[in-house]
Amino acid sequence: MFAMLGSIRFQTSISFEGISSKRAWDYAQHAVIEGKPKLQYVGEALGEIVIDLVLHVDYCDPDVELAKLRVAASRHEALPFVYGSGHYVGVFVIRQIDVTMRHTDGAGVLLSTRARAVLLEHDAKGAATSDLRIENNAARTSGAGGKTRKAAPSAPPSEAADSTPSSRIVRA
């Protein structure tokens, strides 16, 4: 598993193509008479993560995988984003899903598609996070320790039967 967004798993071997992230800092511009505008730092902008996926019928059901993303987006819920190593990135909402159908069969059934999910950081300061944490099962299994990090509320990820133990959300 490369990463998880809530209960949605991104597997490197079956769908994951790439990830990029963006951090920005906001400045207000104040006009001045007969001079250049002045800048004033106003704060850090919300982070953004872009996940690129290739979904092909040989290793997954593209319609099902796209439906998982669409359902999560339509719920408007902030979901924890965790790398397979157990590194907790933060809480994000799905801001945008772009889909490019690459191949269909003669009946129009989707065989291959590219998808891009754009995640926008959610300011979880107001959320009730005190009773939830991310438990890093992969690190605990490898002997690296069971590091935990706080996370915003979300539905716990489903436990899939694969060789890598997943990180999960647990109540403290």
C-alpha atoms as a PDB file:
ATOM      1  CA  MET A   1       0.000   0.000   0.000  1.00  0.00           C
ATOM      2  CA  PHE A   2       1.389   3.397  -0.943  1.00  0.00           C
ATOM      3  CA  ALA A   3      -1.126   5.573   0.897  1.00  0.00           C
ATOM      4  CA  MET A   4      -4.624   5.797   2.323  1.00  0.00           C
ATOM      5  CA  LEU A   5      -7.222   8.541   2.232  1.00  0.00           C
ATOM      6  CA  GLY A   6      -9.756   7.563   4.855  1.00  0.00           C
ATOM      7  CA  SER A   7     -10.664   3.998   3.852  1.00  0.00           C
ATOM      8  CA  ILE A   8      -9.494   4.358   0.232  1.00  0.00           C
ATOM      9  CA  ARG A   9      -6.236   2.490  -0.362  1.00  0.00           C
ATOM     10  CA  PHE A  10      -3.817   3.491  -3.106  1.00  0.00           C
ATOM     11  CA  GLN A  11      -1.743   0.450  -4.120  1.00  0.00           C
ATOM     12  CA  THR A  12       1.521   1.008  -5.979  1.00  0.00           C
ATOM     13  CA  SER A  13       1.174  -2.277  -7.838  1.00  0.00           C
ATOM     14  CA  ILE A  14      -2.342  -1.757  -9.153  1.00  0.00           C
ATOM     15  CA  SER A  15      -3.305   1.857  -9.629  1.00  0.00           C
ATOM     16  CA  PHE A  16      -0.918   4.443  -8.276  1.00  0.00           C
ATOM     17  CA  GLU A  17       1.023   6.482 -10.832  1.00  0.00           C
ATOM     18  CA  GLY A  18       2.301   9.511  -8.974  1.00  0.00           C
ATOM     19  CA  ILE A  19       1.761  12.073  -6.268  1.00  0.00           C
ATOM     20  CA  SER A  20       2.628  15.732  -5.941  1.00  0.00           C
ATOM     21  CA  SER A  21       2.105  18.170  -3.139  1.00  0.00           C
ATOM     22  CA  LYS A  22       2.035  21.925  -2.931  1.00  0.00           C
ATOM     23  CA  ARG A  23       2.611  24.352  -0.083  1.00  0.00           C
ATOM     24  CA  ALA A  24       2.089  28.077  -0.470  1.00  0.00           C
ATOM     25  CA  TRP A  25       2.205  31.222   1.639  1.00  0.00           C
ATOM     26  CA  ASP A  26      -0.306  34.043   1.193  1.00  0.00           C
ATOM     27  CA  TYR A  27       0.486  37.738   0.977  1.00  0.00           C
ATOM     28  CA  ALA A  28      -1.910  40.666   0.761  1.00  0.00           C
ATOM     29  CA  GLN A  29      -1.032  43.452  -1.678  1.00  0.00           C
ATOM     30  CA  HIS A  30      -1.689  46.970  -0.483  1.00  0.00           C
ATOM     31  CA  ALA A  31      -1.770  49.719  -3.104  1.00  0.00           C
ATOM     32  CA  VAL A  32       0.148  52.895  -2.298  1.00  0.00           C
ATOM     33  CA  ILE A  33      -0.013  56.288  -3.933  1.00  0.00           C
ATOM     34  CA  GLU A  34       2.784  56.803  -6.485  1.00  0.00           C
ATOM     35  CA  GLY A  35       4.709  53.687  -5.619  1.00  0.00           C
ATOM     36  CA  LYS A  36       4.824  49.940  -5.852  1.00  0.00           C
ATOM     37  CA  PRO A  37       2.293  47.950  -3.821  1.00  0.00           C
ATOM     38  CA  LYS A  38       3.415  46.745  -0.389  1.00  0.00           C
ATOM     39  CA  LEU A  39       3.190  43.091   0.606  1.00  0.00           C
ATOM     40  CA  GLN A  40       1.976  41.814   3.943  1.00  0.00           C
ATOM     41  CA  TYR A  41       2.292  38.178   4.963  1.00  0.00           C
ATOM     42  CA  VAL A  42      -1.138  36.873   5.992  1.00  0.00           C
ATOM     43  CA  GLY A  43      -0.446  33.200   6.629  1.00  0.00           C
ATOM     44  CA  GLU A  44       0.191  29.785   5.187  1.00  0.00           C
ATOM     45  CA  ALA A  45      -2.211  28.653   2.473  1.00  0.00           C
ATOM     46  CA  LEU A  46      -3.927  25.289   2.627  1.00  0.00           C
ATOM     47  CA  GLY A  47      -1.812  22.419   1.344  1.00  0.00           C
ATOM     48  CA  GLU A  48      -2.744  20.513  -1.775  1.00  0.00           C
ATOM     49  CA  ILE A  49      -1.984  16.937  -2.798  1.00  0.00           C
ATOM     50  CA  VAL A  50      -2.543  15.615  -6.324  1.00  0.00           C
ATOM     51  CA  ILE A  51      -2.781  11.848  -6.781  1.00  0.00           C
ATOM     52  CA  ASP A  52      -2.497  10.438 -10.308  1.00  0.00           C
ATOM     53  CA  LEU A  53      -3.950   6.996 -10.926  1.00  0.00           C
ATOM     54  CA  VAL A  54      -4.066   4.564 -13.824  1.00  0.00           C
ATOM     55  CA  LEU A  55      -6.983   2.159 -13.549  1.00  0.00           C
ATOM     56  CA  HIS A  56      -7.092  -0.846 -15.870  1.00  0.00           C
ATOM     57  CA  VAL A  57      -9.447  -3.807 -15.991  1.00  0.00           C
ATOM     58  CA  ASP A  58      -6.459  -6.208 -15.844  1.00  0.00           C
ATOM     59  CA  TYR A  59      -5.835  -5.374 -12.179  1.00  0.00           C
ATOM     60  CA  CYS A  60      -8.951  -3.613 -10.849  1.00  0.00           C
ATOM     61  CA  ASP A  61     -12.466  -2.556 -11.735  1.00  0.00           C
ATOM     62  CA  PRO A  62     -12.027   1.061 -12.891  1.00  0.00           C
ATOM     63  CA  ASP A  63     -15.703   1.910 -12.288  1.00  0.00           C
ATOM     64  CA  VAL A  64     -15.552   0.642  -8.705  1.00  0.00           C
ATOM     65  CA  GLU A  65     -12.321   2.501  -7.930  1.00  0.00           C
ATOM     66  CA  LEU A  66     -13.712   5.742  -9.389  1.00  0.00           C
ATOM     67  CA  ALA A  67     -16.942   5.247  -7.432  1.00  0.00           C
ATOM     68  CA  LYS A  68     -14.949   5.053  -4.173  1.00  0.00           C
ATOM     69  CA  LEU A  69     -13.423   8.459  -4.881  1.00  0.00           C
ATOM     70  CA  ARG A  70     -16.728   9.986  -6.004  1.00  0.00           C
ATOM     71  CA  VAL A  71     -18.608   8.737  -2.938  1.00  0.00           C
ATOM     72  CA  ALA A  72     -15.912  10.058  -0.590  1.00  0.00           C
ATOM     73  CA  ALA A  73     -15.988  13.431  -2.390  1.00  0.00           C
ATOM     74  CA  SER A  74     -19.786  13.665  -2.323  1.00  0.00           C
ATOM     75  CA  ARG A  75     -19.828  13.135   1.454  1.00  0.00           C
ATOM     76  CA  HIS A  76     -17.820  16.360   1.900  1.00  0.00           C
ATOM     77  CA  GLU A  77     -15.910  14.763   4.771  1.00  0.00           C
ATOM     78  CA  ALA A  78     -12.393  15.575   5.877  1.00  0.00           C
ATOM     79  CA  LEU A  79     -10.364  12.350   5.688  1.00  0.00           C
ATOM     80  CA  PRO A  80      -6.942  11.502   7.122  1.00  0.00           C
ATOM     81  CA  PHE A  81      -4.192  11.025   4.536  1.00  0.00           C
ATOM     82  CA  VAL A  82      -1.542   8.523   5.639  1.00  0.00           C
ATOM     83  CA  TYR A  83       1.410   7.089   3.698  1.00  0.00           C
ATOM     84  CA  GLY A  84       1.980   3.338   3.826  1.00  0.00           C
ATOM     85  CA  SER A  85       4.999   3.949   6.071  1.00  0.00           C
ATOM     86  CA  GLY A  86       2.590   5.272   8.695  1.00  0.00           C
ATOM     87  CA  HIS A  87       3.524   8.932   8.134  1.00  0.00           C
ATOM     88  CA  TYR A  88       0.409  10.981   8.896  1.00  0.00           C
ATOM     89  CA  VAL A  89       0.220  13.888   6.431  1.00  0.00           C
ATOM     90  CA  GLY A  90      -2.949  15.572   7.650  1.00  0.00           C
ATOM     91  CA  VAL A  91      -6.659  15.828   7.047  1.00  0.00           C
ATOM     92  CA  PHE A  92      -7.895  16.506   3.522  1.00  0.00           C
ATOM     93  CA  VAL A  93     -11.080  16.830   1.491  1.00  0.00           C
ATOM     94  CA  ILE A  94     -11.406  15.720  -2.117  1.00  0.00           C
ATOM     95  CA  ARG A  95     -11.651  18.984  -4.013  1.00  0.00           C
ATOM     96  CA  GLN A  96     -11.659  17.679  -7.573  1.00  0.00           C
ATOM     97  CA  ILE A  97     -11.628  14.430  -9.555  1.00  0.00           C
ATOM     98  CA  ASP A  98     -10.544  14.473 -13.203  1.00  0.00           C
ATOM     99  CA  VAL A  99     -11.128  11.356 -15.306  1.00  0.00           C
ATOM    100  CA  THR A 100      -9.822  10.591 -18.790  1.00  0.00           C
ATOM    101  CA  MET A 101     -11.256   7.435 -20.323  1.00  0.00           C
ATOM    102  CA  ARG A 102      -8.491   5.748 -22.314  1.00  0.00           C
ATOM    103  CA  HIS A 103     -10.050   2.516 -23.609  1.00  0.00           C
ATOM    104  CA  THR A 104     -13.484   0.937 -23.779  1.00  0.00           C
ATOM    105  CA  ASP A 105     -14.690  -2.276 -25.328  1.00  0.00           C
ATOM    106  CA  GLY A 106     -17.159  -2.467 -28.221  1.00  0.00           C
ATOM    107  CA  ALA A 107     -20.116  -2.089 -25.831  1.00  0.00           C
ATOM    108  CA  GLY A 108     -18.651   0.997 -24.181  1.00  0.00           C
ATOM    109  CA  VAL A 109     -17.547  -0.751 -20.998  1.00  0.00           C
ATOM    110  CA  LEU A 110     -14.628   1.090 -19.419  1.00  0.00           C
ATOM    111  CA  LEU A 111     -11.360  -0.872 -19.695  1.00  0.00           C
ATOM    112  CA  SER A 112      -8.733   1.730 -18.876  1.00  0.00           C
ATOM    113  CA  THR A 113      -8.778   5.227 -17.459  1.00  0.00           C
ATOM    114  CA  ARG A 114      -6.526   7.838 -15.924  1.00  0.00           C
ATOM    115  CA  ALA A 115      -7.778   9.670 -12.876  1.00  0.00           C
ATOM    116  CA  ARG A 116      -6.459  12.596 -10.891  1.00  0.00           C
ATOM    117  CA  ALA A 117      -7.723  13.344  -7.393  1.00  0.00           C
ATOM    118  CA  VAL A 118      -6.962  16.789  -6.013  1.00  0.00           C
ATOM    119  CA  LEU A 119      -6.981  16.915  -2.222  1.00  0.00           C
ATOM    120  CA  LEU A 120      -7.197  20.151  -0.258  1.00  0.00           C
ATOM    121  CA  GLU A 121      -5.969  20.378   3.310  1.00  0.00           C
ATOM    122  CA  HIS A 122      -8.717  20.744   5.888  1.00  0.00           C
ATOM    123  CA  ASP A 123      -8.091  22.921   8.918  1.00  0.00           C
ATOM    124  CA  ALA A 124      -8.917  20.369  11.603  1.00  0.00           C
ATOM    125  CA  LYS A 125      -8.289  22.717  14.549  1.00  0.00           C
ATOM    126  CA  GLY A 126     -11.995  22.961  15.258  1.00  0.00           C
ATOM    127  CA  ALA A 127     -12.614  19.235  14.839  1.00  0.00           C
ATOM    128  CA  ALA A 128     -12.858  16.867  17.781  1.00  0.00           C
ATOM    129  CA  THR A 129      -9.535  15.076  17.366  1.00  0.00           C
ATOM    130  CA  SER A 130      -8.606  14.361  20.963  1.00  0.00           C
ATOM    131  CA  ASP A 131      -9.933  10.802  20.997  1.00  0.00           C
ATOM    132  CA  LEU A 132      -8.526   9.618  17.649  1.00  0.00           C
ATOM    133  CA  ARG A 133      -5.027   8.716  16.537  1.00  0.00           C
ATOM    134  CA  ILE A 134      -3.319   6.949  13.634  1.00  0.00           C
ATOM    135  CA  GLU A 135      -1.731   3.694  14.672  1.00  0.00           C
ATOM    136  CA  ASN A 136       1.220   2.675  12.554  1.00  0.00           C
ATOM    137  CA  ASN A 137       0.848  -1.096  12.285  1.00  0.00           C
ATOM    138  CA  ALA A 138       3.555  -1.432   9.631  1.00  0.00           C
ATOM    139  CA  ALA A 139       6.181   0.112  11.931  1.00  0.00           C
ATOM    140  CA  ARG A 140       5.054  -1.966  14.897  1.00  0.00           C
ATOM    141  CA  THR A 141       5.258  -5.176  12.849  1.00  0.00           C
ATOM    142  CA  SER A 142       8.751  -4.302  11.614  1.00  0.00           C
ATOM    143  CA  GLY A 143       9.978  -3.529  15.122  1.00  0.00           C
ATOM    144  CA  ALA A 144      10.239   0.208  14.435  1.00  0.00           C
ATOM    145  CA  GLY A 145       7.807   0.998  17.238  1.00  0.00           C
ATOM    146  CA  GLY A 146       4.144   1.897  17.316  1.00  0.00           C
ATOM    147  CA  LYS A 147       4.274   5.621  16.682  1.00  0.00           C
ATOM    148  CA  THR A 148       0.909   7.319  16.789  1.00  0.00           C
ATOM    149  CA  ARG A 149      -0.263  10.664  15.522  1.00  0.00           C
ATOM    150  CA  LYS A 150      -3.514  12.485  16.125  1.00  0.00           C
ATOM    151  CA  ALA A 151      -6.037  12.541  13.298  1.00  0.00           C
ATOM    152  CA  ALA A 152      -9.415  14.053  12.581  1.00  0.00           C
ATOM    153  CA  PRO A 153     -12.525  11.861  12.800  1.00  0.00           C
ATOM    154  CA  SER A 154     -13.174   9.554   9.896  1.00  0.00           C
ATOM    155  CA  ALA A 155     -14.542   6.145   9.145  1.00  0.00           C
ATOM    156  CA  PRO A 156     -11.906   3.510   9.961  1.00  0.00           C
ATOM    157  CA  PRO A 157     -10.202   1.981   6.930  1.00  0.00           C
ATOM    158  CA  SER A 158     -11.312  -1.482   5.968  1.00  0.00           C
ATOM    159  CA  GLU A 159      -8.824  -4.223   6.757  1.00  0.00           C
ATOM    160  CA  ALA A 160      -7.821  -5.849   3.479  1.00  0.00           C
ATOM    161  CA  ALA A 161      -6.011  -9.155   3.339  1.00  0.00           C
ATOM    162  CA  ASP A 162      -2.657  -8.134   1.942  1.00  0.00           C
ATOM    163  CA  SER A 163       0.878  -8.690   3.161  1.00  0.00           C
ATOM    164  CA  THR A 164       1.420  -5.150   4.493  1.00  0.00           C
ATOM    165  CA  PRO A 165      -0.401  -4.302   7.716  1.00  0.00           C
ATOM    166  CA  SER A 166      -2.162  -0.991   7.253  1.00  0.00           C
ATOM    167  CA  SER A 167      -2.210   2.038   9.453  1.00  0.00           C
ATOM    168  CA  ARG A 168      -5.584   2.525  11.040  1.00  0.00           C
ATOM    169  CA  ILE A 169      -7.559   5.019  13.043  1.00  0.00           C
ATOM    170  CA  VAL A 170      -8.189   3.935  16.618  1.00  0.00           C
ATOM    171  CA  ARG A 171      -9.998   5.533  19.552  1.00  0.00           C
ATOM    172  CA  ALA A 172      -7.682   6.548  22.373  1.00  0.00           C
END
